[in-house]
Amino acid sequence: MHEISRKVPAVAKRVTESSGNIFLDLGFPPHEAEVMLLRAKLAEALRVWMEREKLTQAGAAKRLGISQPRVSEIVRGKVELLSLDYLVGLCAKAGIPVGVRVAA
């Protein structure tokens, strides 16, 4: 058998350094980007809690006192559907400490 050698054209890659906030990088206004980032961090903390506790979505829903579809939104990162205060409340129910630090 003969091996077919194909030359792949070089593709110019442009890399842009992140600002540290993916939502800001995606073009959200700064005030929205900050809230979205906080929501994403809280949702991630809840996902980690579920893994650590070995909870199914149904089990997490029962422990948190919410519906399974709501847990699914958290697991899938649908942070635009979840308010910041709602996520803080869920973290409190899960025993996840939440702190706020303001830099001026």
N, C-alpha and C. Protein backbone atom coordinates (compact mmCIF):
# COMPACT_ATOMS: atom_id res chain seq x y z
N MET A 1 0.82 -1.18 0.00
CA MET A 1 0.00 0.00 0.00
C MET A 1 0.86 1.24 0.00
N HIS A 2 0.38 2.21 -0.68
CA HIS A 2 1.08 3.48 -0.73
C HIS A 2 0.45 4.47 0.23
N GLU A 3 1.29 5.15 0.97
CA GLU A 3 0.78 6.18 1.87
C GLU A 3 0.59 7.47 1.08
N ILE A 4 -0.50 8.10 1.32
CA ILE A 4 -0.78 9.36 0.65
C ILE A 4 -0.34 10.48 1.59
N SER A 5 0.51 11.30 1.07
CA SER A 5 1.01 12.42 1.85
C SER A 5 0.26 13.67 1.44
N ARG A 6 -0.38 14.30 2.42
CA ARG A 6 -1.10 15.53 2.13
C ARG A 6 -0.45 16.67 2.88
N LYS A 7 -0.30 17.74 2.17
CA LYS A 7 0.21 18.94 2.83
C LYS A 7 -0.99 19.74 3.33
N VAL A 8 -0.95 20.07 4.59
CA VAL A 8 -2.00 20.88 5.17
C VAL A 8 -1.51 22.32 5.17
N PRO A 9 -2.30 23.19 4.58
CA PRO A 9 -1.86 24.58 4.54
C PRO A 9 -1.77 25.16 5.95
N ALA A 10 -0.75 25.98 6.14
CA ALA A 10 -0.58 26.62 7.44
C ALA A 10 -1.70 27.63 7.64
N VAL A 11 -2.29 27.58 8.82
CA VAL A 11 -3.38 28.49 9.16
C VAL A 11 -2.84 29.48 10.18
N ALA A 12 -3.03 30.72 9.87
CA ALA A 12 -2.58 31.75 10.81
C ALA A 12 -3.48 31.71 12.03
N LYS A 13 -2.86 31.62 13.19
CA LYS A 13 -3.61 31.59 14.44
C LYS A 13 -3.42 32.90 15.16
N ARG A 14 -4.53 33.44 15.57
CA ARG A 14 -4.49 34.68 16.32
C ARG A 14 -4.96 34.39 17.73
N VAL A 15 -4.14 34.69 18.68
CA VAL A 15 -4.47 34.43 20.07
C VAL A 15 -4.61 35.77 20.78
N THR A 16 -5.74 35.91 21.46
CA THR A 16 -5.98 37.12 22.21
C THR A 16 -5.98 36.76 23.69
N GLU A 17 -5.22 37.49 24.46
CA GLU A 17 -5.15 37.21 25.89
C GLU A 17 -6.48 37.57 26.54
N SER A 18 -6.92 36.71 27.46
CA SER A 18 -8.19 36.92 28.15
C SER A 18 -8.08 38.06 29.16
N SER A 19 -9.20 38.70 29.36
CA SER A 19 -9.27 39.74 30.39
C SER A 19 -9.42 39.13 31.77
N GLY A 20 -9.69 37.81 31.81
CA GLY A 20 -9.97 37.15 33.08
C GLY A 20 -11.46 36.96 33.28
N ASN A 21 -12.27 37.52 32.40
CA ASN A 21 -13.72 37.37 32.45
C ASN A 21 -14.19 37.00 31.06
N ILE A 22 -14.56 35.75 30.88
CA ILE A 22 -14.96 35.25 29.56
C ILE A 22 -16.15 36.03 29.01
N PHE A 23 -17.04 36.46 29.89
CA PHE A 23 -18.22 37.18 29.43
C PHE A 23 -17.86 38.57 28.89
N LEU A 24 -16.89 39.20 29.50
CA LEU A 24 -16.39 40.47 29.00
C LEU A 24 -15.71 40.25 27.65
N ASP A 25 -14.92 39.17 27.55
CA ASP A 25 -14.25 38.83 26.30
C ASP A 25 -15.25 38.56 25.17
N LEU A 26 -16.42 38.04 25.54
CA LEU A 26 -17.44 37.73 24.54
C LEU A 26 -18.25 38.95 24.14
N GLY A 27 -17.98 40.08 24.77
CA GLY A 27 -18.63 41.32 24.35
C GLY A 27 -19.77 41.80 25.23
N PHE A 28 -20.02 41.14 26.35
CA PHE A 28 -21.05 41.63 27.26
C PHE A 28 -20.59 42.96 27.85
N PRO A 29 -21.53 43.86 28.14
CA PRO A 29 -21.15 45.10 28.82
C PRO A 29 -20.50 44.78 30.16
N PRO A 30 -19.56 45.57 30.63
CA PRO A 30 -18.83 45.27 31.86
C PRO A 30 -19.71 44.94 33.07
N HIS A 31 -20.79 45.68 33.28
CA HIS A 31 -21.64 45.41 34.44
C HIS A 31 -22.33 44.06 34.33
N GLU A 32 -22.77 43.67 33.13
CA GLU A 32 -23.39 42.36 32.92
C GLU A 32 -22.35 41.25 33.02
N ALA A 33 -21.16 41.48 32.49
CA ALA A 33 -20.10 40.47 32.49
C ALA A 33 -19.72 40.10 33.92
N GLU A 34 -19.66 41.07 34.81
CA GLU A 34 -19.30 40.79 36.21
C GLU A 34 -20.35 39.91 36.88
N VAL A 35 -21.62 40.23 36.66
CA VAL A 35 -22.70 39.44 37.26
C VAL A 35 -22.71 38.03 36.68
N MET A 36 -22.52 37.91 35.37
CA MET A 36 -22.50 36.59 34.73
C MET A 36 -21.35 35.75 35.26
N LEU A 37 -20.19 36.37 35.46
CA LEU A 37 -19.05 35.63 35.99
C LEU A 37 -19.33 35.14 37.41
N LEU A 38 -19.93 35.98 38.23
CA LEU A 38 -20.28 35.55 39.59
C LEU A 38 -21.27 34.40 39.56
N ARG A 39 -22.26 34.48 38.69
CA ARG A 39 -23.24 33.39 38.55
C ARG A 39 -22.54 32.10 38.14
N ALA A 40 -21.64 32.19 37.17
CA ALA A 40 -20.93 31.01 36.68
C ALA A 40 -20.09 30.38 37.80
N LYS A 41 -19.44 31.20 38.61
CA LYS A 41 -18.63 30.68 39.71
C LYS A 41 -19.49 29.97 40.74
N LEU A 42 -20.65 30.53 41.05
CA LEU A 42 -21.55 29.89 42.02
C LEU A 42 -22.12 28.59 41.46
N ALA A 43 -22.49 28.59 40.18
CA ALA A 43 -22.99 27.37 39.55
C ALA A 43 -21.92 26.28 39.56
N GLU A 44 -20.68 26.66 39.29
CA GLU A 44 -19.58 25.69 39.32
C GLU A 44 -19.38 25.13 40.73
N ALA A 45 -19.49 25.99 41.74
CA ALA A 45 -19.36 25.53 43.12
C ALA A 45 -20.45 24.51 43.44
N LEU A 46 -21.66 24.73 42.94
CA LEU A 46 -22.75 23.77 43.17
C LEU A 46 -22.50 22.46 42.42
N ARG A 47 -21.96 22.53 41.21
CA ARG A 47 -21.63 21.31 40.47
C ARG A 47 -20.56 20.50 41.20
N VAL A 48 -19.56 21.18 41.73
CA VAL A 48 -18.48 20.50 42.48
C VAL A 48 -19.07 19.86 43.74
N TRP A 49 -19.97 20.57 44.42
CA TRP A 49 -20.63 20.03 45.61
C TRP A 49 -21.39 18.76 45.26
N MET A 50 -22.11 18.77 44.14
CA MET A 50 -22.85 17.58 43.71
C MET A 50 -21.92 16.40 43.47
N GLU A 51 -20.80 16.66 42.82
CA GLU A 51 -19.82 15.59 42.56
C GLU A 51 -19.24 15.06 43.86
N ARG A 52 -18.86 15.97 44.76
CA ARG A 52 -18.26 15.58 46.03
C ARG A 52 -19.24 14.74 46.86
N GLU A 53 -20.50 15.13 46.84
CA GLU A 53 -21.54 14.42 47.60
C GLU A 53 -22.10 13.21 46.84
N LYS A 54 -21.61 13.02 45.61
CA LYS A 54 -22.07 11.94 44.73
C LYS A 54 -23.59 11.97 44.55
N LEU A 55 -24.10 13.16 44.26
CA LEU A 55 -25.53 13.36 44.11
C LEU A 55 -25.95 13.33 42.65
N THR A 56 -27.06 12.69 42.39
CA THR A 56 -27.68 12.80 41.08
C THR A 56 -28.39 14.15 41.04
N GLN A 57 -28.88 14.53 39.87
CA GLN A 57 -29.64 15.77 39.79
C GLN A 57 -30.88 15.70 40.67
N ALA A 58 -31.53 14.54 40.68
CA ALA A 58 -32.73 14.38 41.51
C ALA A 58 -32.37 14.47 42.99
N GLY A 59 -31.25 13.88 43.38
CA GLY A 59 -30.80 13.93 44.77
C GLY A 59 -30.44 15.35 45.19
N ALA A 60 -29.77 16.06 44.32
CA ALA A 60 -29.41 17.45 44.61
C ALA A 60 -30.67 18.31 44.72
N ALA A 61 -31.62 18.07 43.84
CA ALA A 61 -32.87 18.83 43.87
C ALA A 61 -33.59 18.62 45.21
N LYS A 62 -33.62 17.40 45.67
CA LYS A 62 -34.28 17.11 46.95
C LYS A 62 -33.56 17.81 48.10
N ARG A 63 -32.23 17.73 48.12
CA ARG A 63 -31.46 18.37 49.19
C ARG A 63 -31.58 19.88 49.16
N LEU A 64 -31.71 20.46 47.98
CA LEU A 64 -31.78 21.91 47.84
C LEU A 64 -33.21 22.44 47.89
N GLY A 65 -34.19 21.53 47.78
CA GLY A 65 -35.59 21.95 47.80
C GLY A 65 -36.04 22.63 46.52
N ILE A 66 -35.47 22.18 45.39
CA ILE A 66 -35.84 22.74 44.08
C ILE A 66 -36.16 21.59 43.14
N SER A 67 -36.62 21.93 41.94
CA SER A 67 -36.95 20.89 40.96
C SER A 67 -35.69 20.38 40.25
N GLN A 68 -35.79 19.16 39.74
CA GLN A 68 -34.67 18.58 39.00
C GLN A 68 -34.34 19.39 37.75
N PRO A 69 -35.34 19.90 37.00
CA PRO A 69 -34.99 20.73 35.84
C PRO A 69 -34.18 21.97 36.22
N ARG A 70 -34.42 22.52 37.40
CA ARG A 70 -33.64 23.67 37.86
C ARG A 70 -32.18 23.25 38.09
N VAL A 71 -31.99 22.06 38.68
CA VAL A 71 -30.62 21.55 38.87
C VAL A 71 -29.96 21.33 37.52
N SER A 72 -30.71 20.85 36.56
CA SER A 72 -30.17 20.64 35.22
C SER A 72 -29.66 21.94 34.62
N GLU A 73 -30.39 23.04 34.84
CA GLU A 73 -29.94 24.34 34.35
C GLU A 73 -28.60 24.72 34.97
N ILE A 74 -28.44 24.43 36.26
CA ILE A 74 -27.18 24.73 36.95
C ILE A 74 -26.05 23.88 36.37
N VAL A 75 -26.30 22.59 36.23
CA VAL A 75 -25.28 21.66 35.73
C VAL A 75 -24.86 22.01 34.31
N ARG A 76 -25.82 22.46 33.50
CA ARG A 76 -25.51 22.81 32.11
C ARG A 76 -24.98 24.22 31.95
N GLY A 77 -24.82 24.94 33.07
CA GLY A 77 -24.24 26.27 33.01
C GLY A 77 -25.15 27.32 32.41
N LYS A 78 -26.45 27.14 32.53
CA LYS A 78 -27.42 28.10 32.00
C LYS A 78 -27.57 29.27 32.98
N VAL A 79 -26.47 29.95 33.24
CA VAL A 79 -26.44 30.98 34.28
C VAL A 79 -27.33 32.19 33.95
N GLU A 80 -27.65 32.38 32.69
CA GLU A 80 -28.51 33.51 32.33
C GLU A 80 -29.94 33.31 32.84
N LEU A 81 -30.28 32.06 33.20
CA LEU A 81 -31.62 31.76 33.71
C LEU A 81 -31.70 31.84 35.24
N LEU A 82 -30.57 32.06 35.89
CA LEU A 82 -30.50 31.99 37.36
C LEU A 82 -30.03 33.32 37.92
N SER A 83 -30.76 33.82 38.92
CA SER A 83 -30.34 35.08 39.52
C SER A 83 -29.19 34.84 40.50
N LEU A 84 -28.46 35.90 40.73
CA LEU A 84 -27.33 35.83 41.65
C LEU A 84 -27.81 35.49 43.06
N ASP A 85 -28.88 36.13 43.52
CA ASP A 85 -29.36 35.86 44.88
C ASP A 85 -29.90 34.44 45.01
N TYR A 86 -30.51 33.91 43.94
CA TYR A 86 -30.99 32.53 43.94
C TYR A 86 -29.83 31.55 44.12
N LEU A 87 -28.75 31.77 43.37
CA LEU A 87 -27.58 30.89 43.46
C LEU A 87 -26.90 31.01 44.82
N VAL A 88 -26.84 32.22 45.39
CA VAL A 88 -26.26 32.39 46.72
C VAL A 88 -27.08 31.60 47.73
N GLY A 89 -28.41 31.66 47.62
CA GLY A 89 -29.29 30.91 48.51
C GLY A 89 -29.07 29.41 48.40
N LEU A 90 -28.91 28.91 47.18
CA LEU A 90 -28.66 27.48 46.99
C LEU A 90 -27.32 27.07 47.60
N CYS A 91 -26.32 27.91 47.43
CA CYS A 91 -25.01 27.62 48.02
C CYS A 91 -25.14 27.55 49.54
N ALA A 92 -25.91 28.44 50.13
CA ALA A 92 -26.11 28.42 51.58
C ALA A 92 -26.78 27.12 52.00
N LYS A 93 -27.78 26.68 51.26
CA LYS A 93 -28.46 25.41 51.56
C LYS A 93 -27.50 24.23 51.46
N ALA A 94 -26.55 24.32 50.53
CA ALA A 94 -25.58 23.23 50.32
C ALA A 94 -24.40 23.32 51.29
N GLY A 95 -24.36 24.37 52.08
CA GLY A 95 -23.24 24.53 53.01
C GLY A 95 -21.98 25.06 52.36
N ILE A 96 -22.14 25.70 51.22
CA ILE A 96 -21.00 26.27 50.49
C ILE A 96 -20.86 27.73 50.93
N PRO A 97 -19.74 28.06 51.58
CA PRO A 97 -19.59 29.46 52.00
C PRO A 97 -19.40 30.39 50.80
N VAL A 98 -20.09 31.52 50.85
CA VAL A 98 -20.01 32.52 49.79
C VAL A 98 -19.55 33.82 50.42
N GLY A 99 -18.53 34.42 49.85
CA GLY A 99 -18.02 35.69 50.35
C GLY A 99 -17.96 36.71 49.24
N VAL A 100 -17.97 37.96 49.62
CA VAL A 100 -17.88 39.05 48.66
C VAL A 100 -16.70 39.91 49.03
N ARG A 101 -15.87 40.21 48.05
CA ARG A 101 -14.73 41.09 48.25
C ARG A 101 -14.85 42.21 47.23
N VAL A 102 -14.79 43.41 47.71
CA VAL A 102 -14.91 44.57 46.83
C VAL A 102 -13.56 45.27 46.76
N ALA A 103 -13.10 45.50 45.55
CA ALA A 103 -11.85 46.22 45.35
C ALA A 103 -12.21 47.57 44.73
N ALA A 104 -11.83 48.61 45.40
CA ALA A 104 -12.16 49.94 44.87
C ALA A 104 -10.91 50.67 44.42
